[in-house]
Amino acid sequence: MHDESDRTKSRIEATIDAASIENTRIAARHAPQERRLPPCEKFPTLLFKSTDIQVADDGELKVQGDLTIRGVTRKVTFAVEGPTSPTKDPWGNIRIGISATTKINRKITA
């Protein structure tokens, strides 16, 4: 949900296809004997739900929320660029775009 009048009142929920990010670009992680990622069939999606949106000093957004990967949910903060101006897609739907980045600690903790 995008609130144009107050971006901090917007809410974000995203589902990501796990197969689309399975390649970590670390060759050793993808060698058959080193494969540590579970099959995408077991956990086919990642889920993010925002809990708080703040405007940073530079005008960009900081989006905090719950990220679920392989059935484990952790709090994360995304640095967000955007949103873009609304535009119509070829089917007449209104679309906006954002780009979000964060770092994820892949170490397993007890």
Protein backbone atom coordinates (compact mmCIF):
# COMPACT_ATOMS: atom_id res chain seq x y z
CA MET A 1 0.00 0.00 0.00
CA HIS A 2 1.52 3.31 -1.09
CA ASP A 3 0.44 6.45 0.78
CA GLU A 4 1.41 9.36 -1.49
CA SER A 5 0.64 12.00 1.15
CA ASP A 6 2.88 10.42 3.83
CA ARG A 7 5.37 7.74 2.73
CA THR A 8 5.91 6.66 6.36
CA LYS A 9 2.30 5.41 6.42
CA SER A 10 2.91 3.11 3.43
CA ARG A 11 3.16 -0.64 3.97
CA ILE A 12 5.22 -3.13 2.00
CA GLU A 13 4.70 -6.84 1.60
CA ALA A 14 6.86 -8.74 -0.88
CA THR A 15 7.15 -12.37 -1.86
CA ILE A 16 10.39 -13.37 -3.58
CA ASP A 17 10.87 -16.55 -5.60
CA ALA A 18 13.77 -18.36 -3.89
CA ALA A 19 14.96 -19.82 -7.20
CA SER A 20 15.54 -16.29 -8.48
CA ILE A 21 18.27 -15.67 -5.86
CA GLU A 22 19.66 -19.16 -5.39
CA ASN A 23 22.96 -18.30 -7.11
CA THR A 24 25.06 -16.38 -4.58
CA ARG A 25 27.95 -15.92 -7.05
CA ILE A 26 30.21 -17.87 -4.68
CA ALA A 27 31.30 -20.90 -6.74
CA ALA A 28 32.25 -23.04 -3.73
CA ARG A 29 28.74 -22.70 -2.26
CA HIS A 30 27.26 -24.25 -5.39
CA ALA A 31 29.62 -27.19 -5.83
CA PRO A 32 27.67 -30.42 -5.16
CA GLN A 33 29.73 -31.35 -2.08
CA GLU A 34 29.46 -27.81 -0.64
CA ARG A 35 25.80 -27.15 -1.33
CA ARG A 36 24.33 -25.71 1.86
CA LEU A 37 21.16 -24.18 0.51
CA PRO A 38 18.06 -26.35 0.86
CA PRO A 39 16.16 -27.18 -2.30
CA CYS A 40 13.80 -24.42 -3.38
CA GLU A 41 11.00 -26.98 -3.36
CA LYS A 42 11.08 -27.05 0.46
CA PHE A 43 11.12 -23.25 0.87
CA PRO A 44 10.02 -21.81 -2.50
CA THR A 45 9.62 -18.21 -1.34
CA LEU A 46 11.05 -15.53 0.90
CA LEU A 47 8.60 -13.13 2.53
CA PHE A 48 9.08 -9.55 3.71
CA LYS A 49 6.50 -7.51 5.66
CA SER A 50 7.29 -3.96 6.72
CA THR A 51 6.74 -2.88 10.32
CA ASP A 52 8.06 0.71 10.16
CA ILE A 53 9.04 3.22 7.48
CA GLN A 54 11.14 6.28 8.25
CA VAL A 55 12.57 9.07 6.12
CA ALA A 56 16.37 9.27 6.55
CA ASP A 57 18.32 12.54 6.70
CA ASP A 58 19.16 12.24 2.99
CA GLY A 59 15.47 11.94 2.07
CA GLU A 60 15.69 8.24 1.27
CA LEU A 61 13.60 5.70 3.15
CA LYS A 62 14.60 3.20 5.82
CA VAL A 63 12.16 0.31 5.87
CA GLN A 64 12.20 -2.04 8.83
CA GLY A 65 10.36 -5.31 8.85
CA ASP A 66 10.30 -9.06 9.15
CA LEU A 67 12.13 -11.13 6.53
CA THR A 68 11.37 -14.86 6.44
CA ILE A 69 13.93 -17.13 4.77
CA ARG A 70 13.75 -20.94 5.00
CA GLY A 71 11.02 -20.65 7.63
CA VAL A 72 13.09 -18.39 9.92
CA THR A 73 11.98 -14.80 10.49
CA ARG A 74 14.42 -12.02 11.42
CA LYS A 75 14.18 -8.23 11.72
CA VAL A 76 15.95 -6.36 8.90
CA THR A 77 16.28 -2.78 7.72
CA PHE A 78 16.30 -1.94 4.02
CA ALA A 79 17.74 1.25 2.53
CA VAL A 80 15.22 2.24 -0.12
CA GLU A 81 15.61 4.40 -3.22
CA GLY A 82 12.40 5.68 -4.72
CA PRO A 83 9.56 5.44 -5.21
CA THR A 84 9.44 6.42 -8.86
CA SER A 85 6.62 8.50 -10.24
CA PRO A 86 3.47 6.47 -10.91
CA THR A 87 3.14 5.23 -14.49
CA LYS A 88 0.75 2.96 -16.37
CA ASP A 89 1.90 -0.48 -17.48
CA PRO A 90 0.80 -1.92 -20.87
CA TRP A 91 -2.36 -3.32 -19.26
CA GLY A 92 -3.43 0.03 -17.76
CA ASN A 93 -2.37 -0.69 -14.17
CA ILE A 94 -0.60 2.03 -12.18
CA ARG A 95 2.93 1.00 -11.16
CA ILE A 96 5.69 2.54 -9.06
CA GLY A 97 9.22 1.24 -8.62
CA ILE A 98 11.62 1.08 -5.69
CA SER A 99 15.05 -0.40 -5.11
CA ALA A 100 15.89 -1.78 -1.66
CA THR A 101 19.13 -3.18 -0.25
CA THR A 102 20.17 -4.81 3.00
CA LYS A 103 22.82 -7.17 4.31
CA ILE A 104 21.94 -10.61 5.59
CA ASN A 105 24.09 -12.61 7.99
CA ARG A 106 24.03 -16.15 6.57
CA LYS A 107 25.62 -17.73 9.64
CA ILE A 108 23.37 -20.13 11.49
CA THR A 109 22.98 -19.34 15.17
CA ALA A 110 21.46 -21.51 17.85
